Every structure is written in structure tokens, then in C-alpha cells.
Amino acid sequence: MEPVNISICNQKGGIGKSTFTVLLASYLHYTLGHDVLVVDCDYPQYSIEDMRERDKELIECSPIFKKMFSDNLRMTKLAPYPLLTAKPEEAMQKVKEIIESGNEIDIVFFDL
């Protein structure tokens, strides 16, 4: 079955597109159990990738956050959803390659 594609976009910057994408993807993945893929097309800054990298650094340097992350993995039995960075014109082809390689994806979010 083909995944549902959802694009979050607006011409104005700084209105919360990336935040909304992360919140919606997180809710659908961690709470409802859907297999989601987030595609960060916010070239060149790639805001969501930057958020994820900051989260990783925080987890690595803080025993408290490391424990919280570990507890979350144990409770939900879900790894973090995959994140892909791509320029908008390359995004669909990269998503197609991921799906064709056997990954189960229910919903693809595009942060544009």
C-alpha cells in the first residue's frame, strides 16, 4: 500500500512548519504506532535535522536525558522515526528508493 504524503508548507518563514511537522509525526509514530518518515526539505538550513542533532548531543552529554530516552525506548518499543534530508526536487525520488528497499512507511511528512 502506498503511504500517505503530507506536506507542511508556507512561503513565510518562522511560522512553525518544522515544529508542527515534528509534533504531528511524533504523535502519529509514538502514540498511535504509525510508521512515519519525515523528509526535511527545508534547504539549506534543514531545521528538523538540526533539531535531531541537538537532541542527540543533549542525550549524549546528560545522564538524565540519556535515561529518559532509554526509558522511552523500553516503554514504546519504538525507535525514533527515520529522518531524511533532501532538496525539494530530489525528495520524491529518495522516498521512492526507501520504500522500494523494503521499508514499511504509512505516512511521509514533507517539511518544505
Protein backbone atom coordinates (compact mmCIF):
# COMPACT_ATOMS: atom_id res chain seq x y z
CA MET A 1 0.00 0.00 0.00
CA GLU A 2 1.24 3.46 -0.88
CA PRO A 3 1.99 5.78 2.05
CA VAL A 4 0.00 8.94 2.66
CA ASN A 5 2.06 12.01 1.76
CA ILE A 6 1.57 15.14 3.87
CA SER A 7 3.31 18.40 3.02
CA ILE A 8 3.69 21.17 5.56
CA CYS A 9 4.48 24.35 3.69
CA ASN A 10 4.05 28.11 3.63
CA GLN A 11 6.00 30.85 1.90
CA LYS A 12 6.58 32.69 5.17
CA GLY A 13 9.45 31.52 7.30
CA GLY A 14 9.40 31.20 11.06
CA ILE A 15 5.74 30.26 11.47
CA GLY A 16 6.31 26.80 12.97
CA LYS A 17 6.25 24.45 9.97
CA SER A 18 9.11 22.32 11.27
CA THR A 19 7.78 22.29 14.83
CA PHE A 20 4.32 21.27 13.62
CA THR A 21 5.82 18.54 11.41
CA VAL A 22 7.81 17.08 14.32
CA LEU A 23 4.85 17.23 16.71
CA LEU A 24 2.44 15.59 14.27
CA ALA A 25 4.94 12.91 13.19
CA SER A 26 5.83 12.18 16.83
CA TYR A 27 2.20 11.84 17.86
CA LEU A 28 1.35 9.52 14.97
CA HIS A 29 4.50 7.44 15.48
CA TYR A 30 4.90 7.21 19.27
CA THR A 31 1.26 7.42 20.35
CA LEU A 32 -0.66 5.78 17.50
CA GLY A 33 2.12 3.47 16.28
CA HIS A 34 2.22 4.51 12.62
CA ASP A 35 5.42 4.05 10.62
CA VAL A 36 6.34 7.56 9.58
CA LEU A 37 9.13 9.08 7.57
CA VAL A 38 9.97 12.76 7.89
CA VAL A 39 11.61 14.41 4.91
CA ASP A 40 13.30 17.68 5.78
CA CYS A 41 13.24 19.68 2.55
CA ASP A 42 13.98 22.95 4.33
CA TYR A 43 17.10 23.54 2.24
CA PRO A 44 19.70 24.82 3.09
CA GLN A 45 19.14 25.03 6.86
CA TYR A 46 17.44 21.62 7.34
CA SER A 47 15.75 22.67 10.58
CA ILE A 48 14.48 19.25 11.63
CA GLU A 49 17.84 17.59 11.10
CA ASP A 50 19.39 20.36 13.19
CA MET A 51 16.82 19.72 15.97
CA ARG A 52 17.56 16.00 15.90
CA GLU A 53 21.32 16.62 16.12
CA ARG A 54 20.83 18.92 19.12
CA ASP A 55 18.69 16.22 20.78
CA LYS A 56 21.40 13.60 20.18
CA GLU A 57 24.06 15.86 21.69
CA LEU A 58 21.87 16.54 24.72
CA ILE A 59 21.24 12.82 25.25
CA GLU A 60 24.96 12.05 24.98
CA CYS A 61 26.05 14.69 27.49
CA SER A 62 23.26 14.34 30.07
CA PRO A 63 22.74 11.19 32.15
CA ILE A 64 19.19 12.35 32.95
CA PHE A 65 18.21 12.73 29.30
CA LYS A 66 20.01 9.51 28.40
CA LYS A 67 17.88 7.66 30.99
CA MET A 68 14.69 9.35 29.77
CA PHE A 69 15.49 8.33 26.17
CA SER A 70 16.26 4.76 27.24
CA ASP A 71 13.05 4.57 29.30
CA ASN A 72 11.04 5.85 26.32
CA LEU A 73 12.56 3.20 24.02
CA ARG A 74 11.75 0.49 26.55
CA MET A 75 8.15 1.68 27.11
CA THR A 76 7.18 2.31 23.50
CA LYS A 77 9.40 -0.34 21.89
CA LEU A 78 9.77 2.19 19.06
CA ALA A 79 13.00 3.59 17.73
CA PRO A 80 12.96 7.21 16.60
CA TYR A 81 11.25 7.64 13.25
CA PRO A 82 13.58 7.99 10.27
CA LEU A 83 14.56 11.44 9.09
CA LEU A 84 15.70 12.15 5.54
CA THR A 85 17.14 15.41 4.24
CA ALA A 86 16.62 16.26 0.61
CA LYS A 87 16.25 19.22 -1.66
CA PRO A 88 12.58 19.53 -2.67
CA GLU A 89 13.28 18.46 -6.25
CA GLU A 90 15.00 15.25 -5.05
CA ALA A 91 12.63 14.32 -2.22
CA MET A 92 10.13 12.08 -4.03
CA GLN A 93 12.84 10.00 -5.68
CA LYS A 94 14.61 9.45 -2.35
CA VAL A 95 11.34 8.46 -0.67
CA LYS A 96 10.61 6.04 -3.53
CA GLU A 97 14.04 4.42 -3.05
CA ILE A 98 13.44 4.00 0.68
CA ILE A 99 10.06 2.34 0.10
CA GLU A 100 11.39 0.11 -2.69
CA SER A 101 14.19 -1.10 -0.40
CA GLY A 102 11.54 -2.75 1.78
CA ASN A 103 10.85 -0.14 4.45
CA GLU A 104 7.26 -0.07 5.69
CA ILE A 105 6.05 3.53 5.68
CA ASP A 106 2.46 4.56 6.44
CA ILE A 107 2.87 8.34 6.32
CA VAL A 108 5.52 10.58 4.75
CA PHE A 109 5.80 14.14 6.04
CA PHE A 110 7.49 16.75 3.87
CA ASP A 111 8.71 19.86 5.67
CA LEU A 112 9.04 22.42 2.87
